[in-house]
C-alpha atoms as a PDB file:
ATOM      1  CA  MET A   1     204.854 151.719 -67.849  1.00  0.00           C
ATOM      2  CA  VAL A   2     208.465 150.706 -68.167  1.00  0.00           C
ATOM      3  CA  ALA A   3     211.290 150.493 -65.702  1.00  0.00           C
ATOM      4  CA  LEU A   4     214.918 151.171 -66.518  1.00  0.00           C
ATOM      5  CA  VAL A   5     217.505 148.723 -65.276  1.00  0.00           C
ATOM      6  CA  LEU A   6     221.056 150.078 -65.300  1.00  0.00           C
ATOM      7  CA  ALA A   7     224.126 148.285 -64.023  1.00  0.00           C
ATOM      8  CA  GLY A   8     227.840 148.214 -64.633  1.00  0.00           C
ATOM      9  CA  SER A   9     229.423 144.845 -65.303  1.00  0.00           C
ATOM     10  CA  ALA A  10     231.514 143.540 -62.423  1.00  0.00           C
ATOM     11  CA  LEU A  11     233.751 141.778 -64.928  1.00  0.00           C
ATOM     12  CA  VAL A  12     234.758 144.919 -66.791  1.00  0.00           C
ATOM     13  CA  ALA A  13     235.287 147.454 -64.027  1.00  0.00           C
ATOM     14  CA  CYS A  14     238.813 148.221 -65.126  1.00  0.00           C
ATOM     15  CA  THR A  15     237.731 149.286 -68.606  1.00  0.00           C
ATOM     16  CA  SER A  16     234.344 150.778 -67.825  1.00  0.00           C
ATOM     17  CA  GLY A  17     235.513 153.967 -66.208  1.00  0.00           C
ATOM     18  CA  VAL A  18     235.501 152.817 -62.590  1.00  0.00           C
ATOM     19  CA  ASP A  19     238.617 152.790 -60.467  1.00  0.00           C
ATOM     20  CA  GLY A  20     239.453 150.436 -57.625  1.00  0.00           C
ATOM     21  CA  GLU A  21     237.433 152.529 -55.181  1.00  0.00           C
ATOM     22  CA  GLY A  22     234.307 152.668 -57.356  1.00  0.00           C
ATOM     23  CA  GLN A  23     234.900 156.253 -58.525  1.00  0.00           C
ATOM     24  CA  ALA A  24     234.413 157.305 -62.148  1.00  0.00           C
ATOM     25  CA  ALA A  25     237.630 157.947 -64.054  1.00  0.00           C
ATOM     26  CA  PRO A  26     238.217 161.566 -65.128  1.00  0.00           C
ATOM     27  CA  GLU A  27     237.143 162.459 -68.654  1.00  0.00           C
ATOM     28  CA  GLY A  28     240.005 162.535 -71.138  1.00  0.00           C
ATOM     29  CA  GLU A  29     242.010 159.956 -69.207  1.00  0.00           C
ATOM     30  CA  ARG A  30     243.169 156.934 -71.205  1.00  0.00           C
ATOM     31  CA  LEU A  31     243.866 153.357 -70.202  1.00  0.00           C
ATOM     32  CA  ALA A  32     247.165 153.249 -72.097  1.00  0.00           C
ATOM     33  CA  GLY A  33     249.001 154.787 -75.040  1.00  0.00           C
ATOM     34  CA  SER A  34     248.205 151.810 -77.273  1.00  0.00           C
ATOM     35  CA  PHE A  35     246.335 148.520 -77.142  1.00  0.00           C
ATOM     36  CA  GLU A  36     249.642 146.633 -77.080  1.00  0.00           C
ATOM     37  CA  GLU A  37     250.700 148.671 -74.048  1.00  0.00           C
ATOM     38  CA  LEU A  38     247.379 147.838 -72.371  1.00  0.00           C
ATOM     39  CA  LEU A  39     247.917 144.127 -73.044  1.00  0.00           C
ATOM     40  CA  GLU A  40     251.387 144.352 -71.510  1.00  0.00           C
ATOM     41  CA  GLN A  41     249.966 146.080 -68.426  1.00  0.00           C
ATOM     42  CA  TYR A  42     247.518 143.228 -67.899  1.00  0.00           C
ATOM     43  CA  LEU A  43     250.174 140.587 -68.580  1.00  0.00           C
ATOM     44  CA  GLU A  44     252.462 141.977 -65.892  1.00  0.00           C
ATOM     45  CA  GLY A  45     251.850 140.008 -62.730  1.00  0.00           C
ATOM     46  CA  GLU A  46     249.234 137.707 -64.336  1.00  0.00           C
ATOM     47  CA  GLU A  47     249.372 134.142 -62.987  1.00  0.00           C
ATOM     48  CA  ASN A  48     246.543 132.342 -64.799  1.00  0.00           C
ATOM     49  CA  PRO A  49     248.095 130.142 -67.542  1.00  0.00           C
ATOM     50  CA  TYR A  50     245.212 130.575 -69.992  1.00  0.00           C
ATOM     51  CA  VAL A  51     245.211 134.352 -69.626  1.00  0.00           C
ATOM     52  CA  ILE A  52     248.995 134.509 -70.031  1.00  0.00           C
ATOM     53  CA  ASP A  53     248.741 132.445 -73.220  1.00  0.00           C
ATOM     54  CA  VAL A  54     245.958 134.642 -74.659  1.00  0.00           C
ATOM     55  CA  LEU A  55     247.645 137.950 -73.830  1.00  0.00           C
ATOM     56  CA  THR A  56     251.040 136.798 -75.122  1.00  0.00           C
ATOM     57  CA  SER A  57     249.396 135.694 -78.364  1.00  0.00           C
ATOM     58  CA  ALA A  58     247.466 138.979 -78.605  1.00  0.00           C
ATOM     59  CA  ILE A  59     250.660 141.015 -78.267  1.00  0.00           C
ATOM     60  CA  ASP A  60     252.158 139.029 -81.168  1.00  0.00           C
ATOM     61  CA  THR A  61     249.070 139.169 -83.399  1.00  0.00           C
ATOM     62  CA  GLY A  62     247.603 142.544 -82.412  1.00  0.00           C
ATOM     63  CA  GLY A  63     244.417 141.384 -80.740  1.00  0.00           C
ATOM     64  CA  ILE A  64     242.327 138.823 -78.860  1.00  0.00           C
ATOM     65  CA  THR A  65     240.366 136.474 -81.110  1.00  0.00           C
ATOM     66  CA  GLN A  66     236.674 135.643 -80.807  1.00  0.00           C
ATOM     67  CA  ALA A  67     237.587 132.006 -80.105  1.00  0.00           C
ATOM     68  CA  GLN A  68     239.880 132.991 -77.225  1.00  0.00           C
ATOM     69  CA  TYR A  69     237.213 135.193 -75.687  1.00  0.00           C
ATOM     70  CA  ASP A  70     234.542 132.511 -76.146  1.00  0.00           C
ATOM     71  CA  GLU A  71     236.703 129.902 -74.406  1.00  0.00           C
ATOM     72  CA  ALA A  72     237.215 132.193 -71.416  1.00  0.00           C
ATOM     73  CA  HIS A  73     233.469 132.777 -71.299  1.00  0.00           C
ATOM     74  CA  ARG A  74     232.820 129.019 -71.508  1.00  0.00           C
ATOM     75  CA  MET A  75     235.058 128.375 -68.483  1.00  0.00           C
ATOM     76  CA  TYR A  76     233.301 131.127 -66.529  1.00  0.00           C
ATOM     77  CA  THR A  77     229.850 129.785 -67.422  1.00  0.00           C
ATOM     78  CA  GLU A  78     230.791 126.222 -66.497  1.00  0.00           C
ATOM     79  CA  CYS A  79     231.982 127.434 -63.101  1.00  0.00           C
ATOM     80  CA  MET A  80     228.775 129.402 -62.489  1.00  0.00           C
ATOM     81  CA  VAL A  81     226.550 126.481 -63.518  1.00  0.00           C
ATOM     82  CA  ASN A  82     228.472 124.196 -61.183  1.00  0.00           C
ATOM     83  CA  ALA A  83     227.816 126.754 -58.430  1.00  0.00           C
ATOM     84  CA  GLY A  84     224.085 126.577 -59.162  1.00  0.00           C
ATOM     85  CA  TYR A  85     223.572 129.777 -61.200  1.00  0.00           C
ATOM     86  CA  GLU A  86     221.728 129.867 -64.540  1.00  0.00           C
ATOM     87  CA  GLU A  87     222.507 133.201 -66.217  1.00  0.00           C
ATOM     88  CA  GLU A  88     221.067 134.477 -69.494  1.00  0.00           C
ATOM     89  CA  HIS A  89     223.584 135.129 -72.269  1.00  0.00           C
ATOM     90  CA  LYS A  90     223.120 137.296 -75.353  1.00  0.00           C
ATOM     91  CA  ARG A  91     225.823 137.810 -77.949  1.00  0.00           C
ATOM     92  CA  LEU A  92     226.075 141.338 -79.314  1.00  0.00           C
ATOM     93  CA  ALA A  93     227.252 142.188 -82.819  1.00  0.00           C
ATOM     94  CA  SER A  94     230.683 143.057 -81.400  1.00  0.00           C
ATOM     95  CA  GLY A  95     231.092 139.460 -80.218  1.00  0.00           C
ATOM     96  CA  ILE A  96     230.743 140.412 -76.556  1.00  0.00           C
ATOM     97  CA  ILE A  97     228.391 138.176 -74.587  1.00  0.00           C
ATOM     98  CA  GLN A  98     226.020 140.168 -72.397  1.00  0.00           C
ATOM     99  CA  ILE A  99     225.309 138.426 -69.087  1.00  0.00           C
ATOM    100  CA  THR A 100     221.974 138.841 -67.297  1.00  0.00           C
ATOM    101  CA  PRO A 101     221.946 137.491 -63.713  1.00  0.00           C
ATOM    102  CA  PRO A 102     219.104 135.248 -62.526  1.00  0.00           C
ATOM    103  CA  GLU A 103     216.342 136.727 -60.406  1.00  0.00           C
ATOM    104  CA  MET A 104     217.356 136.774 -56.753  1.00  0.00           C
ATOM    105  CA  SER A 105     216.715 138.501 -53.475  1.00  0.00           C
ATOM    106  CA  ALA A 106     218.921 141.285 -52.139  1.00  0.00           C
ATOM    107  CA  GLU A 107     220.342 138.814 -49.632  1.00  0.00           C
ATOM    108  CA  GLU A 108     221.324 136.407 -52.420  1.00  0.00           C
ATOM    109  CA  ALA A 109     222.881 139.107 -54.601  1.00  0.00           C
ATOM    110  CA  GLN A 110     226.124 139.445 -52.650  1.00  0.00           C
ATOM    111  CA  LYS A 111     226.714 135.694 -52.735  1.00  0.00           C
ATOM    112  CA  TYR A 112     226.128 135.745 -56.482  1.00  0.00           C
ATOM    113  CA  ILE A 113     228.599 138.628 -56.932  1.00  0.00           C
ATOM    114  CA  ASP A 114     231.215 136.844 -54.827  1.00  0.00           C
ATOM    115  CA  THR A 115     230.766 133.629 -56.792  1.00  0.00           C
ATOM    116  CA  ALA A 116     230.964 135.454 -60.130  1.00  0.00           C
ATOM    117  CA  GLY A 117     234.215 137.044 -59.009  1.00  0.00           C
ATOM    118  CA  GLU A 118     235.641 133.653 -58.087  1.00  0.00           C
ATOM    119  CA  CYS A 119     234.566 132.136 -61.405  1.00  0.00           C
ATOM    120  CA  ALA A 120     235.935 135.010 -63.495  1.00  0.00           C
ATOM    121  CA  ASP A 121     239.623 134.194 -63.159  1.00  0.00           C
ATOM    122  CA  GLU A 122     239.982 133.633 -66.918  1.00  0.00           C
ATOM    123  CA  LEU A 123     237.140 135.799 -68.149  1.00  0.00           C
ATOM    124  CA  ALA A 124     237.626 139.065 -66.241  1.00  0.00           C
ATOM    125  CA  PRO A 125     240.908 140.240 -67.814  1.00  0.00           C
ATOM    126  CA  ILE A 126     240.059 138.862 -71.254  1.00  0.00           C
ATOM    127  CA  GLU A 127     236.540 140.329 -71.148  1.00  0.00           C
ATOM    128  CA  ALA A 128     237.899 143.745 -70.198  1.00  0.00           C
ATOM    129  CA  LEU A 129     240.499 143.757 -72.935  1.00  0.00           C
ATOM    130  CA  TYR A 130     238.218 142.306 -75.617  1.00  0.00           C
ATOM    131  CA  ARG A 131     235.563 144.882 -74.768  1.00  0.00           C
ATOM    132  CA  ALA A 132     238.133 147.677 -75.140  1.00  0.00           C
ATOM    133  CA  GLN A 133     239.392 146.158 -78.379  1.00  0.00           C
ATOM    134  CA  GLN A 134     235.918 145.919 -79.884  1.00  0.00           C
ATOM    135  CA  GLY A 135     234.254 149.089 -78.654  1.00  0.00           C
ATOM    136  CA  ASN A 136     236.801 151.538 -77.265  1.00  0.00           C
ATOM    137  CA  PRO A 137     239.416 152.274 -79.968  1.00  0.00           C
ATOM    138  CA  ASP A 138     240.501 155.475 -78.210  1.00  0.00           C
ATOM    139  CA  LEU A 139     241.139 153.510 -74.981  1.00  0.00           C
ATOM    140  CA  LEU A 140     239.150 156.020 -72.929  1.00  0.00           C
ATOM    141  CA  SER A 141     238.926 155.348 -69.190  1.00  0.00           C
ATOM    142  CA  ASN A 142     235.602 157.038 -68.407  1.00  0.00           C
ATOM    143  CA  GLY A 143     232.593 154.810 -69.092  1.00  0.00           C
ATOM    144  CA  GLU A 144     230.198 157.604 -70.033  1.00  0.00           C
ATOM    145  CA  GLU A 145     232.798 159.094 -72.356  1.00  0.00           C
ATOM    146  CA  ILE A 146     233.199 155.681 -74.050  1.00  0.00           C
ATOM    147  CA  VAL A 147     229.437 155.509 -74.654  1.00  0.00           C
ATOM    148  CA  VAL A 148     229.269 159.051 -76.061  1.00  0.00           C
ATOM    149  CA  ALA A 149     232.267 158.482 -78.349  1.00  0.00           C
ATOM    150  CA  CYS A 150     230.624 155.293 -79.653  1.00  0.00           C
ATOM    151  CA  PHE A 151     227.335 157.140 -80.223  1.00  0.00           C
ATOM    152  CA  LYS A 152     229.151 159.747 -82.296  1.00  0.00           C
ATOM    153  CA  ARG A 153     231.156 157.182 -84.315  1.00  0.00           C
ATOM    154  CA  ASN A 154     227.877 155.512 -85.246  1.00  0.00           C
ATOM    155  CA  GLN A 155     226.029 158.806 -85.835  1.00  0.00           C
ATOM    156  CA  VAL A 156     223.499 158.011 -83.121  1.00  0.00           C
ATOM    157  CA  VAL A 157     223.681 161.561 -81.736  1.00  0.00           C
ATOM    158  CA  GLU A 158     224.718 165.030 -82.859  1.00  0.00           C
ATOM    159  CA  ALA A 159     228.345 166.128 -82.532  1.00  0.00           C
ATOM    160  CA  THR A 160     227.379 168.452 -79.671  1.00  0.00           C
ATOM    161  CA  TYR A 161     226.126 165.560 -77.475  1.00  0.00           C
ATOM    162  CA  THR A 162     228.088 165.299 -74.207  1.00  0.00           C
ATOM    163  CA  THR A 163     228.428 163.052 -71.175  1.00  0.00           C
ATOM    164  CA  THR A 164     226.176 165.518 -69.350  1.00  0.00           C
ATOM    165  CA  ASP A 165     223.474 164.827 -71.943  1.00  0.00           C
ATOM    166  CA  LEU A 166     223.962 161.096 -71.450  1.00  0.00           C
ATOM    167  CA  ALA A 167     223.643 161.433 -67.674  1.00  0.00           C
ATOM    168  CA  GLU A 168     220.406 163.375 -68.152  1.00  0.00           C
ATOM    169  CA  ASP A 169     219.060 160.733 -70.555  1.00  0.00           C
ATOM    170  CA  LEU A 170     219.841 158.009 -68.015  1.00  0.00           C
ATOM    171  CA  GLU A 171     218.228 159.958 -65.186  1.00  0.00           C
ATOM    172  CA  ASN A 172     215.120 160.746 -67.280  1.00  0.00           C
ATOM    173  CA  ARG A 173     214.821 157.160 -68.546  1.00  0.00           C
ATOM    174  CA  PHE A 174     215.392 158.343 -72.112  1.00  0.00           C
ATOM    175  CA  GLU A 175     212.023 160.118 -72.286  1.00  0.00           C
ATOM    176  CA  GLU A 176     213.566 162.986 -74.300  1.00  0.00           C
ATOM    177  CA  ALA A 177     216.519 161.123 -75.835  1.00  0.00           C
ATOM    178  CA  GLU A 178     217.134 161.483 -79.567  1.00  0.00           C
ATOM    179  CA  TYR A 179     217.693 157.715 -79.867  1.00  0.00           C
ATOM    180  CA  ASP A 180     216.013 154.442 -78.913  1.00  0.00           C
ATOM    181  CA  PRO A 181     217.883 152.889 -75.948  1.00  0.00           C
ATOM    182  CA  ASN A 182     216.885 149.414 -77.163  1.00  0.00           C
ATOM    183  CA  ASP A 183     218.389 149.944 -80.640  1.00  0.00           C
ATOM    184  CA  ALA A 184     221.098 147.351 -81.372  1.00  0.00           C
ATOM    185  CA  THR A 185     223.805 149.947 -82.076  1.00  0.00           C
ATOM    186  CA  VAL A 186     222.918 151.911 -78.944  1.00  0.00           C
ATOM    187  CA  GLN A 187     223.086 148.698 -76.913  1.00  0.00           C
ATOM    188  CA  GLU A 188     226.569 148.007 -78.340  1.00  0.00           C
ATOM    189  CA  CYS A 189     227.696 151.454 -77.198  1.00  0.00           C
ATOM    190  CA  PHE A 190     226.306 150.951 -73.700  1.00  0.00           C
ATOM    191  CA  SER A 191     228.098 147.613 -73.530  1.00  0.00           C
ATOM    192  CA  ALA A 192     231.374 149.202 -74.655  1.00  0.00           C
ATOM    193  CA  GLY A 193     231.139 151.590 -71.716  1.00  0.00           C
ATOM    194  CA  GLY A 194     230.437 148.784 -69.248  1.00  0.00           C
ATOM    195  CA  TYR A 195     226.708 149.440 -68.904  1.00  0.00           C
ATOM    196  CA  ALA A 196     223.763 147.058 -69.179  1.00  0.00           C
ATOM    197  CA  VAL A 197     220.632 149.044 -70.014  1.00  0.00           C
ATOM    198  CA  ALA A 198     217.241 147.402 -70.561  1.00  0.00           C
ATOM    199  CA  PHE A 199     213.557 148.124 -70.169  1.00  0.00           C
ATOM    200  CA  GLU A 200     211.151 145.801 -68.418  1.00  0.00           C
ATOM    201  CA  GLU A 201     207.382 146.048 -68.280  1.00  0.00           C
ATOM    202  CA  GLU A 202     206.187 146.878 -64.796  1.00  0.00           C
ATOM    203  CA  GLU A 203     203.458 144.715 -63.335  1.00  0.00           C
ATOM    204  CA  GLN A 204     200.131 146.507 -63.160  1.00  0.00           C
END
């Protein structure tokens, strides 16, 4: 028996198809007309010096580098470790680092989420933009639509596959899916859409 664990990343809400009120963005809606425009949107009103430096550089060069993203992630991780949290980190082929929270009770979860939010001052905007840069070339706003578009770019599914099909696969725990949810390319697509999908063996 296997159990499906599905969660959206709190650090990438603004590029994973979730608005400020937790509602999914409409299909077809885009984050911006271009990646440069998206960078400028994030830069407006930004106060963190490291983020300002990275976004200004990215506007000049056309993108955020792996080193810039890694440094933001390092600062986040250092903050979380200092707060007493040991997370698991896995780097995907896209360069994105997938974060798995430590085991905790429901009561501890909210404190963890609050702490992660406090520690993500550098990482949150850079993570969101780097994720869009690496896995969302069309700058789609809807998370499920991002995943489906990625599937099709990588020929994981047929051209007729839709977000409705994806929702059904998620609900049915991929029992009738035409792909392996643990495949590396599929995992990259889930990550691009702001999802963390994994299977864990249930205790007998």
